[in-house]
Amino acid sequence: PLAVLAAGVAGAGYLYVTDPHQPGHVLPQCPFRLVTGLLCPACG
């Protein structure tokens, strides 16, 4: 659980300075949406 927390904090730190609304970031895209073009329950 502490490793999950540390990974979450690191991810949140990167996300805080990286606007996912703008192109040109290294954030992963939803594989379901890439394949189907539809939004999965977690998209967004």
Full PDB file with SEQRES, HELIX, SHEET, SSBOND, CRYST1, ORIGX, SCALE, CONECT and MASTER records, all heavy atoms in Angstrom:
SEQRES   1 A   44  PRO LEU ALA VAL LEU ALA ALA GLY VAL ALA GLY ALA GLY          
SEQRES   2 A   44  TYR LEU TYR VAL THR ASP PRO HIS GLN PRO GLY HIS VAL          
SEQRES   3 A   44  LEU PRO GLN CYS PRO PHE ARG LEU VAL THR GLY LEU LEU          
SEQRES   4 A   44  CYS PRO ALA CYS GLY                                          
HELIX    1 AA1 LEU A    2  TYR A   16  1                                  15    
HELIX    2 AA2 PRO A   31  THR A   36  1                                   6    
CRYST1    1.000    1.000    1.000  90.00  90.00  90.00 P 1           1          
ORIGX1      1.000000  0.000000  0.000000        0.00000                         
ORIGX2      0.000000  1.000000  0.000000        0.00000                         
ORIGX3      0.000000  0.000000  1.000000        0.00000                         
SCALE1      1.000000  0.000000  0.000000        0.00000                         
SCALE2      0.000000  1.000000  0.000000        0.00000                         
SCALE3      0.000000  0.000000  1.000000        0.00000                         
ATOM      1  N   PRO A   1       0.811  -1.222   0.000  1.00  0.00           N  
ATOM      2  CA  PRO A   1       0.000   0.000   0.000  1.00  0.00           C  
ATOM      3  C   PRO A   1       0.846   1.275   0.000  1.00  0.00           C  
ATOM      4  O   PRO A   1       0.473   2.268  -0.635  1.00  0.00           O  
ATOM      5  CB  PRO A   1      -0.844  -0.101   1.273  1.00  0.00           C  
ATOM      6  CG  PRO A   1      -0.229  -1.154   2.100  1.00  0.00           C  
ATOM      7  CD  PRO A   1       0.516  -2.051   1.169  1.00  0.00           C  
ATOM      8  N   LEU A   2       1.994   1.249   0.656  1.00  0.00           N  
ATOM      9  CA  LEU A   2       2.859   2.429   0.638  1.00  0.00           C  
ATOM     10  C   LEU A   2       3.463   2.637  -0.746  1.00  0.00           C  
ATOM     11  O   LEU A   2       3.643   3.778  -1.190  1.00  0.00           O  
ATOM     12  CB  LEU A   2       3.943   2.316   1.704  1.00  0.00           C  
ATOM     13  CG  LEU A   2       3.442   2.431   3.145  1.00  0.00           C  
ATOM     14  CD1 LEU A   2       4.564   2.158   4.132  1.00  0.00           C  
ATOM     15  CD2 LEU A   2       2.802   3.789   3.397  1.00  0.00           C  
ATOM     16  N   ALA A   3       3.768   1.558  -1.464  1.00  0.00           N  
ATOM     17  CA  ALA A   3       4.273   1.672  -2.827  1.00  0.00           C  
ATOM     18  C   ALA A   3       3.190   2.238  -3.754  1.00  0.00           C  
ATOM     19  O   ALA A   3       3.473   3.080  -4.612  1.00  0.00           O  
ATOM     20  CB  ALA A   3       4.751   0.312  -3.337  1.00  0.00           C  
ATOM     21  N   VAL A   4       1.952   1.793  -3.575  1.00  0.00           N  
ATOM     22  CA  VAL A   4       0.846   2.330  -4.368  1.00  0.00           C  
ATOM     23  C   VAL A   4       0.665   3.819  -4.078  1.00  0.00           C  
ATOM     24  O   VAL A   4       0.478   4.629  -4.988  1.00  0.00           O  
ATOM     25  CB  VAL A   4      -0.461   1.545  -4.105  1.00  0.00           C  
ATOM     26  CG1 VAL A   4      -1.664   2.244  -4.694  1.00  0.00           C  
ATOM     27  CG2 VAL A   4      -0.339   0.130  -4.650  1.00  0.00           C  
ATOM     28  N   LEU A   5       0.745   4.189  -2.808  1.00  0.00           N  
ATOM     29  CA  LEU A   5       0.642   5.591  -2.430  1.00  0.00           C  
ATOM     30  C   LEU A   5       1.775   6.411  -3.054  1.00  0.00           C  
ATOM     31  O   LEU A   5       1.538   7.495  -3.606  1.00  0.00           O  
ATOM     32  CB  LEU A   5       0.649   5.748  -0.909  1.00  0.00           C  
ATOM     33  CG  LEU A   5       0.591   7.186  -0.387  1.00  0.00           C  
ATOM     34  CD1 LEU A   5      -0.732   7.841  -0.781  1.00  0.00           C  
ATOM     35  CD2 LEU A   5       0.791   7.212   1.115  1.00  0.00           C  
ATOM     36  N   ALA A   6       2.993   5.912  -2.987  1.00  0.00           N  
ATOM     37  CA  ALA A   6       4.140   6.634  -3.563  1.00  0.00           C  
ATOM     38  C   ALA A   6       3.979   6.799  -5.075  1.00  0.00           C  
ATOM     39  O   ALA A   6       4.246   7.884  -5.619  1.00  0.00           O  
ATOM     40  CB  ALA A   6       5.436   5.896  -3.240  1.00  0.00           C  
ATOM     41  N   ALA A   7       3.528   5.747  -5.750  1.00  0.00           N  
ATOM     42  CA  ALA A   7       3.311   5.844  -7.193  1.00  0.00           C  
ATOM     43  C   ALA A   7       2.200   6.844  -7.504  1.00  0.00           C  
ATOM     44  O   ALA A   7       2.304   7.628  -8.456  1.00  0.00           O  
ATOM     45  CB  ALA A   7       2.958   4.465  -7.768  1.00  0.00           C  
ATOM     46  N   GLY A   8       1.161   6.854  -6.690  1.00  0.00           N  
ATOM     47  CA  GLY A   8       0.073   7.811  -6.879  1.00  0.00           C  
ATOM     48  C   GLY A   8       0.523   9.243  -6.679  1.00  0.00           C  
ATOM     49  O   GLY A   8       0.154  10.138  -7.444  1.00  0.00           O  
ATOM     50  N   VAL A   9       1.350   9.478  -5.668  1.00  0.00           N  
ATOM     51  CA  VAL A   9       1.864  10.821  -5.419  1.00  0.00           C  
ATOM     52  C   VAL A   9       2.774  11.265  -6.567  1.00  0.00           C  
ATOM     53  O   VAL A   9       2.690  12.409  -7.027  1.00  0.00           O  
ATOM     54  CB  VAL A   9       2.602  10.877  -4.054  1.00  0.00           C  
ATOM     55  CG1 VAL A   9       3.397  12.160  -3.900  1.00  0.00           C  
ATOM     56  CG2 VAL A   9       1.602  10.731  -2.919  1.00  0.00           C  
ATOM     57  N   ALA A  10       3.622  10.353  -7.039  1.00  0.00           N  
ATOM     58  CA  ALA A  10       4.501  10.691  -8.166  1.00  0.00           C  
ATOM     59  C   ALA A  10       3.667  10.999  -9.414  1.00  0.00           C  
ATOM     60  O   ALA A  10       3.928  11.980 -10.124  1.00  0.00           O  
ATOM     61  CB  ALA A  10       5.475   9.549  -8.445  1.00  0.00           C  
ATOM     62  N   GLY A  11       2.667  10.163  -9.694  1.00  0.00           N  
ATOM     63  CA  GLY A  11       1.797  10.402 -10.846  1.00  0.00           C  
ATOM     64  C   GLY A  11       1.031  11.701 -10.715  1.00  0.00           C  
ATOM     65  O   GLY A  11       0.888  12.456 -11.679  1.00  0.00           O  
ATOM     66  N   ALA A  12       0.543  11.992  -9.514  1.00  0.00           N  
ATOM     67  CA  ALA A  12      -0.188  13.240  -9.282  1.00  0.00           C  
ATOM     68  C   ALA A  12       0.725  14.446  -9.454  1.00  0.00           C  
ATOM     69  O   ALA A  12       0.309  15.479  -9.973  1.00  0.00           O  
ATOM     70  CB  ALA A  12      -0.815  13.239  -7.887  1.00  0.00           C  
ATOM     71  N   GLY A  13       1.978  14.302  -9.034  1.00  0.00           N  
ATOM     72  CA  GLY A  13       2.938  15.392  -9.212  1.00  0.00           C  
ATOM     73  C   GLY A  13       3.160  15.696 -10.679  1.00  0.00           C  
ATOM     74  O   GLY A  13       3.184  16.867 -11.090  1.00  0.00           O  
ATOM     75  N   TYR A  14       3.319  14.645 -11.491  1.00  0.00           N  
ATOM     76  CA  TYR A  14       3.479  14.851 -12.934  1.00  0.00           C  
ATOM     77  C   TYR A  14       2.203  15.433 -13.529  1.00  0.00           C  
ATOM     78  O   TYR A  14       2.247  16.362 -14.341  1.00  0.00           O  
ATOM     79  CB  TYR A  14       3.848  13.531 -13.623  1.00  0.00           C  
ATOM     80  CG  TYR A  14       3.952  13.687 -15.117  1.00  0.00           C  
ATOM     81  CD1 TYR A  14       5.040  14.341 -15.689  1.00  0.00           C  
ATOM     82  CD2 TYR A  14       2.959  13.204 -15.960  1.00  0.00           C  
ATOM     83  CE1 TYR A  14       5.125  14.508 -17.062  1.00  0.00           C  
ATOM     84  CE2 TYR A  14       3.040  13.368 -17.324  1.00  0.00           C  
ATOM     85  CZ  TYR A  14       4.127  14.019 -17.881  1.00  0.00           C  
ATOM     86  OH  TYR A  14       4.207  14.190 -19.245  1.00  0.00           O  
ATOM     87  N   LEU A  15       1.069  14.889 -13.120  1.00  0.00           N  
ATOM     88  CA  LEU A  15      -0.202  15.353 -13.670  1.00  0.00           C  
ATOM     89  C   LEU A  15      -0.471  16.806 -13.308  1.00  0.00           C  
ATOM     90  O   LEU A  15      -1.037  17.558 -14.115  1.00  0.00           O  
ATOM     91  CB  LEU A  15      -1.347  14.464 -13.173  1.00  0.00           C  
ATOM     92  CG  LEU A  15      -2.742  14.800 -13.682  1.00  0.00           C  
ATOM     93  CD1 LEU A  15      -2.790  14.718 -15.208  1.00  0.00           C  
ATOM     94  CD2 LEU A  15      -3.764  13.863 -13.071  1.00  0.00           C  
ATOM     95  N   TYR A  16      -0.054  17.222 -12.129  1.00  0.00           N  
ATOM     96  CA  TYR A  16      -0.306  18.599 -11.693  1.00  0.00           C  
ATOM     97  C   TYR A  16       0.305  19.616 -12.658  1.00  0.00           C  
ATOM     98  O   TYR A  16      -0.272  20.670 -12.896  1.00  0.00           O  
ATOM     99  CB  TYR A  16       0.227  18.822 -10.280  1.00  0.00           C  
ATOM    100  CG  TYR A  16      -0.177  20.159  -9.720  1.00  0.00           C  
ATOM    101  CD1 TYR A  16      -1.437  20.329  -9.159  1.00  0.00           C  
ATOM    102  CD2 TYR A  16       0.674  21.258  -9.783  1.00  0.00           C  
ATOM    103  CE1 TYR A  16      -1.840  21.564  -8.659  1.00  0.00           C  
ATOM    104  CE2 TYR A  16       0.292  22.494  -9.285  1.00  0.00           C  
ATOM    105  CZ  TYR A  16      -0.967  22.640  -8.724  1.00  0.00           C  
ATOM    106  OH  TYR A  16      -1.362  23.860  -8.239  1.00  0.00           O  
ATOM    107  N   VAL A  17       1.451  19.287 -13.213  1.00  0.00           N  
ATOM    108  CA  VAL A  17       2.136  20.232 -14.115  1.00  0.00           C  
ATOM    109  C   VAL A  17       1.933  19.894 -15.585  1.00  0.00           C  
ATOM    110  O   VAL A  17       2.521  20.533 -16.453  1.00  0.00           O  
ATOM    111  CB  VAL A  17       3.650  20.307 -13.791  1.00  0.00           C  
ATOM    112  CG1 VAL A  17       3.867  20.829 -12.389  1.00  0.00           C  
ATOM    113  CG2 VAL A  17       4.320  18.955 -13.975  1.00  0.00           C  
ATOM    114  N   THR A  18       1.110  18.907 -15.881  1.00  0.00           N  
ATOM    115  CA  THR A  18       0.869  18.476 -17.255  1.00  0.00           C  
ATOM    116  C   THR A  18      -0.624  18.522 -17.541  1.00  0.00           C  
ATOM    117  O   THR A  18      -1.379  17.716 -17.013  1.00  0.00           O  
ATOM    118  CB  THR A  18       1.379  17.029 -17.466  1.00  0.00           C  
ATOM    119  OG1 THR A  18       2.739  16.968 -17.070  1.00  0.00           O  
ATOM    120  CG2 THR A  18       1.239  16.607 -18.908  1.00  0.00           C  
ATOM    121  N   ASP A  19      -1.055  19.451 -18.360  1.00  0.00           N  
ATOM    122  CA  ASP A  19      -2.481  19.603 -18.654  1.00  0.00           C  
ATOM    123  C   ASP A  19      -2.927  18.551 -19.669  1.00  0.00           C  
ATOM    124  O   ASP A  19      -2.561  18.614 -20.845  1.00  0.00           O  
ATOM    125  CB  ASP A  19      -2.752  21.008 -19.200  1.00  0.00           C  
ATOM    126  CG  ASP A  19      -4.230  21.295 -19.387  1.00  0.00           C  
ATOM    127  OD1 ASP A  19      -5.046  20.369 -19.245  1.00  0.00           O  
ATOM    128  OD2 ASP A  19      -4.563  22.457 -19.665  1.00  0.00           O  
ATOM    129  N   PRO A  20      -3.737  17.562 -19.251  1.00  0.00           N  
ATOM    130  CA  PRO A  20      -4.184  16.527 -20.182  1.00  0.00           C  
ATOM    131  C   PRO A  20      -5.199  17.042 -21.208  1.00  0.00           C  
ATOM    132  O   PRO A  20      -5.516  16.330 -22.161  1.00  0.00           O  
ATOM    133  CB  PRO A  20      -4.806  15.469 -19.274  1.00  0.00           C  
ATOM    134  CG  PRO A  20      -5.214  16.214 -18.061  1.00  0.00           C  
ATOM    135  CD  PRO A  20      -4.236  17.339 -17.902  1.00  0.00           C  
ATOM    136  N   HIS A  21      -5.691  18.268 -21.014  1.00  0.00           N  
ATOM    137  CA  HIS A  21      -6.608  18.852 -21.996  1.00  0.00           C  
ATOM    138  C   HIS A  21      -5.854  19.337 -23.228  1.00  0.00           C  
ATOM    139  O   HIS A  21      -6.474  19.625 -24.254  1.00  0.00           O  
ATOM    140  CB  HIS A  21      -7.371  20.031 -21.369  1.00  0.00           C  
ATOM    141  CG  HIS A  21      -8.233  19.648 -20.206  1.00  0.00           C  
ATOM    142  ND1 HIS A  21      -9.432  19.007 -20.353  1.00  0.00           N  
ATOM    143  CD2 HIS A  21      -8.047  19.799 -18.872  1.00  0.00           C  
ATOM    144  CE1 HIS A  21      -9.970  18.792 -19.168  1.00  0.00           C  
ATOM    145  NE2 HIS A  21      -9.148  19.264 -18.245  1.00  0.00           N  
ATOM    146  N   GLN A  22      -4.524  19.452 -23.125  1.00  0.00           N  
ATOM    147  CA  GLN A  22      -3.690  19.945 -24.215  1.00  0.00           C  
ATOM    148  C   GLN A  22      -2.883  18.789 -24.818  1.00  0.00           C  
ATOM    149  O   GLN A  22      -2.484  17.877 -24.097  1.00  0.00           O  
ATOM    150  CB  GLN A  22      -2.727  21.025 -23.697  1.00  0.00           C  
ATOM    151  CG  GLN A  22      -3.398  22.196 -23.022  1.00  0.00           C  
ATOM    152  CD  GLN A  22      -4.326  22.950 -23.964  1.00  0.00           C  
ATOM    153  OE1 GLN A  22      -4.030  23.103 -25.148  1.00  0.00           O  
ATOM    154  NE2 GLN A  22      -5.451  23.396 -23.451  1.00  0.00           N  
ATOM    155  N   PRO A  23      -2.608  18.839 -26.107  1.00  0.00           N  
ATOM    156  CA  PRO A  23      -1.776  17.788 -26.728  1.00  0.00           C  
ATOM    157  C   PRO A  23      -0.305  17.967 -26.347  1.00  0.00           C  
ATOM    158  O   PRO A  23       0.105  19.006 -25.842  1.00  0.00           O  
ATOM    159  CB  PRO A  23      -1.990  18.017 -28.227  1.00  0.00           C  
ATOM    160  CG  PRO A  23      -2.368  19.457 -28.345  1.00  0.00           C  
ATOM    161  CD  PRO A  23      -3.103  19.815 -27.077  1.00  0.00           C  
ATOM    162  N   GLY A  24       0.483  16.939 -26.604  1.00  0.00           N  
ATOM    163  CA  GLY A  24       1.919  17.018 -26.419  1.00  0.00           C  
ATOM    164  C   GLY A  24       2.427  16.541 -25.076  1.00  0.00           C  
ATOM    165  O   GLY A  24       3.528  16.873 -24.679  1.00  0.00           O  
ATOM    166  N   HIS A  25       1.659  15.746 -24.370  1.00  0.00           N  
ATOM    167  CA  HIS A  25       2.101  15.210 -23.081  1.00  0.00           C  
ATOM    168  C   HIS A  25       2.383  13.719 -23.211  1.00  0.00           C  
ATOM    169  O   HIS A  25       2.117  13.112 -24.238  1.00  0.00           O  
ATOM    170  CB  HIS A  25       1.045  15.467 -22.001  1.00  0.00           C  
ATOM    171  CG  HIS A  25      -0.320  15.035 -22.397  1.00  0.00           C  
ATOM    172  ND1 HIS A  25      -0.686  13.712 -22.486  1.00  0.00           N  
ATOM    173  CD2 HIS A  25      -1.411  15.746 -22.752  1.00  0.00           C  
ATOM    174  CE1 HIS A  25      -1.949  13.626 -22.869  1.00  0.00           C  
ATOM    175  NE2 HIS A  25      -2.407  14.847 -23.038  1.00  0.00           N  
ATOM    176  N   VAL A  26       2.923  13.126 -22.164  1.00  0.00           N  
ATOM    177  CA  VAL A  26       3.287  11.717 -22.186  1.00  0.00           C  
ATOM    178  C   VAL A  26       2.282  10.871 -21.397  1.00  0.00           C  
ATOM    179  O   VAL A  26       2.587   9.789 -20.949  1.00  0.00           O  
ATOM    180  CB  VAL A  26       4.711  11.523 -21.599  1.00  0.00           C  
ATOM    181  CG1 VAL A  26       5.216  10.115 -21.816  1.00  0.00           C  
ATOM    182  CG2 VAL A  26       5.681  12.504 -22.227  1.00  0.00           C  
ATOM    183  N   LEU A  27       1.084  11.370 -21.220  1.00  0.00           N  
ATOM    184  CA  LEU A  27       0.063  10.623 -20.483  1.00  0.00           C  
ATOM    185  C   LEU A  27      -0.509   9.529 -21.379  1.00  0.00           C  
ATOM    186  O   LEU A  27      -0.722   9.750 -22.580  1.00  0.00           O  
ATOM    187  CB  LEU A  27      -1.043  11.572 -20.024  1.00  0.00           C  
ATOM    188  CG  LEU A  27      -0.597  12.654 -19.043  1.00  0.00           C  
ATOM    189  CD1 LEU A  27      -1.691  13.697 -18.855  1.00  0.00           C  
ATOM    190  CD2 LEU A  27      -0.217  12.039 -17.713  1.00  0.00           C  
ATOM    191  N   PRO A  28      -0.777   8.350 -20.826  1.00  0.00           N  
ATOM    192  CA  PRO A  28      -1.298   7.258 -21.650  1.00  0.00           C  
ATOM    193  C   PRO A  28      -2.727   7.520 -22.118  1.00  0.00           C  
ATOM    194  O   PRO A  28      -3.497   8.196 -21.441  1.00  0.00           O  
ATOM    195  CB  PRO A  28      -1.252   6.046 -20.710  1.00  0.00           C  
ATOM    196  CG  PRO A  28      -1.316   6.631 -19.349  1.00  0.00           C  
ATOM    197  CD  PRO A  28      -0.629   7.972 -19.429  1.00  0.00           C  
ATOM    198  N   GLN A  29      -3.036   6.987 -23.272  1.00  0.00           N  
ATOM    199  CA  GLN A  29      -4.399   7.088 -23.793  1.00  0.00           C  
ATOM    200  C   GLN A  29      -5.151   5.806 -23.449  1.00  0.00           C  
ATOM    201  O   GLN A  29      -4.549   4.758 -23.241  1.00  0.00           O  
ATOM    202  CB  GLN A  29      -4.357   7.294 -25.293  1.00  0.00           C  
ATOM    203  CG  GLN A  29      -3.706   8.604 -25.660  1.00  0.00           C  
ATOM    204  CD  GLN A  29      -4.278   9.175 -26.940  1.00  0.00           C  
ATOM    205  OE1 GLN A  29      -5.175   8.610 -27.536  1.00  0.00           O  
ATOM    206  NE2 GLN A  29      -3.733  10.285 -27.352  1.00  0.00           N  
ATOM    207  N   CYS A  30      -6.458   5.910 -23.406  1.00  0.00           N  
ATOM    208  CA  CYS A  30      -7.293   4.758 -23.089  1.00  0.00           C  
ATOM    209  C   CYS A  30      -7.227   3.739 -24.240  1.00  0.00           C  
ATOM    210  O   CYS A  30      -7.592   4.061 -25.373  1.00  0.00           O  
ATOM    211  CB  CYS A  30      -8.738   5.217 -22.878  1.00  0.00           C  
ATOM    212  SG  CYS A  30      -9.899   3.853 -22.648  1.00  0.00           S  
ATOM    213  N   PRO A  31      -6.788   2.505 -23.961  1.00  0.00           N  
ATOM    214  CA  PRO A  31      -6.715   1.506 -25.033  1.00  0.00           C  
ATOM    215  C   PRO A  31      -8.088   1.151 -25.595  1.00  0.00           C  
ATOM    216  O   PRO A  31      -8.224   0.903 -26.796  1.00  0.00           O  
ATOM    217  CB  PRO A  31      -6.056   0.297 -24.379  1.00  0.00           C  
ATOM    218  CG  PRO A  31      -5.907   0.601 -22.947  1.00  0.00           C  
ATOM    219  CD  PRO A  31      -6.274   2.023 -22.698  1.00  0.00           C  
ATOM    220  N   PHE A  32      -9.116   1.129 -24.747  1.00  0.00           N  
ATOM    221  CA  PHE A  32     -10.467   0.826 -25.215  1.00  0.00           C  
ATOM    222  C   PHE A  32     -10.929   1.876 -26.224  1.00  0.00           C  
ATOM    223  O   PHE A  32     -11.478   1.550 -27.270  1.00  0.00           O  
ATOM    224  CB  PHE A  32     -11.436   0.762 -24.027  1.00  0.00           C  
ATOM    225  CG  PHE A  32     -12.836   0.380 -24.408  1.00  0.00           C  
ATOM    226  CD1 PHE A  32     -13.168  -0.947 -24.603  1.00  0.00           C  
ATOM    227  CD2 PHE A  32     -13.823   1.339 -24.565  1.00  0.00           C  
ATOM    228  CE1 PHE A  32     -14.471  -1.314 -24.956  1.00  0.00           C  
ATOM    229  CE2 PHE A  32     -15.124   0.992 -24.911  1.00  0.00           C  
ATOM    230  CZ  PHE A  32     -15.446  -0.340 -25.107  1.00  0.00           C  
ATOM    231  N   ARG A  33     -10.668   3.140 -25.918  1.00  0.00           N  
ATOM    232  CA  ARG A  33     -11.075   4.215 -26.814  1.00  0.00           C  
ATOM    233  C   ARG A  33     -10.253   4.206 -28.103  1.00  0.00           C  
ATOM    234  O   ARG A  33     -10.779   4.499 -29.182  1.00  0.00           O  
ATOM    235  CB  ARG A  33     -10.953   5.568 -26.117  1.00  0.00           C  
ATOM    236  CG  ARG A  33     -11.567   6.670 -26.950  1.00  0.00           C  
ATOM    237  CD  ARG A  33     -11.750   7.927 -26.172  1.00  0.00           C  
ATOM    238  NE  ARG A  33     -12.471   8.890 -26.987  1.00  0.00           N  
ATOM    239  CZ  ARG A  33     -12.665  10.129 -26.642  1.00  0.00           C  
ATOM    240  NH1 ARG A  33     -12.192  10.572 -25.485  1.00  0.00           N  
ATOM    241  NH2 ARG A  33     -13.328  10.942 -27.420  1.00  0.00           N  
ATOM    242  N   LEU A  34      -8.965   3.878 -28.008  1.00  0.00           N  
ATOM    243  CA  LEU A  34      -8.134   3.799 -29.207  1.00  0.00           C  
ATOM    244  C   LEU A  34      -8.652   2.737 -30.171  1.00  0.00           C  
ATOM    245  O   LEU A  34      -8.647   2.933 -31.380  1.00  0.00           O  
ATOM    246  CB  LEU A  34      -6.680   3.498 -28.836  1.00  0.00           C  
ATOM    247  CG  LEU A  34      -5.864   4.656 -28.289  1.00  0.00           C  
ATOM    248  CD1 LEU A  34      -4.510   4.170 -27.799  1.00  0.00           C  
ATOM    249  CD2 LEU A  34      -5.686   5.729 -29.346  1.00  0.00           C  
ATOM    250  N   VAL A  35      -9.113   1.608 -29.622  1.00  0.00           N  
ATOM    251  CA  VAL A  35      -9.565   0.496 -30.454  1.00  0.00           C  
ATOM    252  C   VAL A  35     -10.994   0.704 -30.961  1.00  0.00           C  
ATOM    253  O   VAL A  35     -11.287   0.464 -32.129  1.00  0.00           O  
ATOM    254  CB  VAL A  35      -9.458  -0.839 -29.678  1.00  0.00           C  
ATOM    255  CG1 VAL A  35     -10.103  -1.976 -30.443  1.00  0.00           C  
ATOM    256  CG2 VAL A  35      -7.998  -1.158 -29.394  1.00  0.00           C  
ATOM    257  N   THR A  36     -11.890   1.176 -30.079  1.00  0.00           N  
ATOM    258  CA  THR A  36     -13.309   1.242 -30.445  1.00  0.00           C  
ATOM    259  C   THR A  36     -13.804   2.640 -30.787  1.00  0.00           C  
ATOM    260  O   THR A  36     -14.845   2.781 -31.422  1.00  0.00           O  
ATOM    261  CB  THR A  36     -14.183   0.723 -29.282  1.00  0.00           C  
ATOM    262  OG1 THR A  36     -14.056   1.616 -28.174  1.00  0.00           O  
ATOM    263  CG2 THR A  36     -13.788  -0.686 -28.876  1.00  0.00           C  
ATOM    264  N   GLY A  37     -13.110   3.662 -30.310  1.00  0.00           N  
ATOM    265  CA  GLY A  37     -13.593   5.030 -30.487  1.00  0.00           C  
ATOM    266  C   GLY A  37     -14.659   5.407 -29.469  1.00  0.00           C  
ATOM    267  O   GLY A  37     -15.178   6.521 -29.495  1.00  0.00           O  
ATOM    268  N   LEU A  38     -14.985   4.494 -28.560  1.00  0.00           N  
ATOM    269  CA  LEU A  38     -16.000   4.740 -27.536  1.00  0.00           C  
ATOM    270  C   LEU A  38     -15.333   5.056 -26.199  1.00  0.00           C  
ATOM    271  O   LEU A  38     -14.200   4.664 -25.945  1.00  0.00           O  
ATOM    272  CB  LEU A  38     -16.896   3.511 -27.371  1.00  0.00           C  
ATOM    273  CG  LEU A  38     -17.679   3.083 -28.608  1.00  0.00           C  
ATOM    274  CD1 LEU A  38     -18.356   1.735 -28.365  1.00  0.00           C  
ATOM    275  CD2 LEU A  38     -18.690   4.140 -28.990  1.00  0.00           C  
ATOM    276  N   LEU A  39     -16.065   5.754 -25.340  1.00  0.00           N  
ATOM    277  CA  LEU A  39     -15.580   6.067 -24.001  1.00  0.00           C  
ATOM    278  C   LEU A  39     -15.798   4.873 -23.076  1.00  0.00           C  
ATOM    279  O   LEU A  39     -16.903   4.327 -23.017  1.00  0.00           O  
ATOM    280  CB  LEU A  39     -16.326   7.278 -23.431  1.00  0.00           C  
ATOM    281  CG  LEU A  39     -16.163   8.595 -24.189  1.00  0.00           C  
ATOM    282  CD1 LEU A  39     -17.138   9.631 -23.644  1.00  0.00           C  
ATOM    283  CD2 LEU A  39     -14.744   9.089 -24.097  1.00  0.00           C  
ATOM    284  N   CYS A  40     -14.769   4.482 -22.344  1.00  0.00           N  
ATOM    285  CA  CYS A  40     -14.929   3.428 -21.342  1.00  0.00           C  
ATOM    286  C   CYS A  40     -15.446   4.080 -20.058  1.00  0.00           C  
ATOM    287  O   CYS A  40     -15.484   5.311 -19.956  1.00  0.00           O  
ATOM    288  CB  CYS A  40     -13.590   2.703 -21.108  1.00  0.00           C  
ATOM    289  SG  CYS A  40     -12.438   3.558 -20.016  1.00  0.00           S  
ATOM    290  N   PRO A  41     -15.840   3.312 -19.051  1.00  0.00           N  
ATOM    291  CA  PRO A  41     -16.346   3.912 -17.815  1.00  0.00           C  
ATOM    292  C   PRO A  41     -15.345   4.830 -17.116  1.00  0.00           C  
ATOM    293  O   PRO A  41     -15.732   5.733 -16.387  1.00  0.00           O  
ATOM    294  CB  PRO A  41     -16.680   2.708 -16.935  1.00  0.00           C  
ATOM    295  CG  PRO A  41     -16.922   1.598 -17.891  1.00  0.00           C  
ATOM    296  CD  PRO A  41     -16.001   1.851 -19.047  1.00  0.00           C  
ATOM    297  N   ALA A  42     -14.039   4.632 -17.335  1.00  0.00           N  
ATOM    298  CA  ALA A  42     -13.018   5.448 -16.666  1.00  0.00           C  
ATOM    299  C   ALA A  42     -12.479   6.572 -17.534  1.00  0.00           C  
ATOM    300  O   ALA A  42     -11.683   7.379 -17.055  1.00  0.00           O  
ATOM    301  CB  ALA A  42     -11.870   4.561 -16.201  1.00  0.00           C  
ATOM    302  N   CYS A  43     -12.885   6.643 -18.795  1.00  0.00           N  
ATOM    303  CA  CYS A  43     -12.391   7.711 -19.666  1.00  0.00           C  
ATOM    304  C   CYS A  43     -12.709   9.075 -19.050  1.00  0.00           C  
ATOM    305  O   CYS A  43     -13.805   9.296 -18.545  1.00  0.00           O  
ATOM    306  CB  CYS A  43     -13.019   7.628 -21.057  1.00  0.00           C  
ATOM    307  SG  CYS A  43     -12.165   6.497 -22.163  1.00  0.00           S  
ATOM    308  N   GLY A  44     -11.734   9.953 -19.089  1.00  0.00           N  
ATOM    309  CA  GLY A  44     -11.884  11.268 -18.496  1.00  0.00           C  
ATOM    310  C   GLY A  44     -11.344  11.329 -17.086  1.00  0.00           C  
ATOM    311  O   GLY A  44     -11.305  12.397 -16.474  1.00  0.00           O  
TER     312      GLY A  44                                                      
MASTER        0    0    0    2    0    0    0    6  311    1    0    4          
END                                                                             
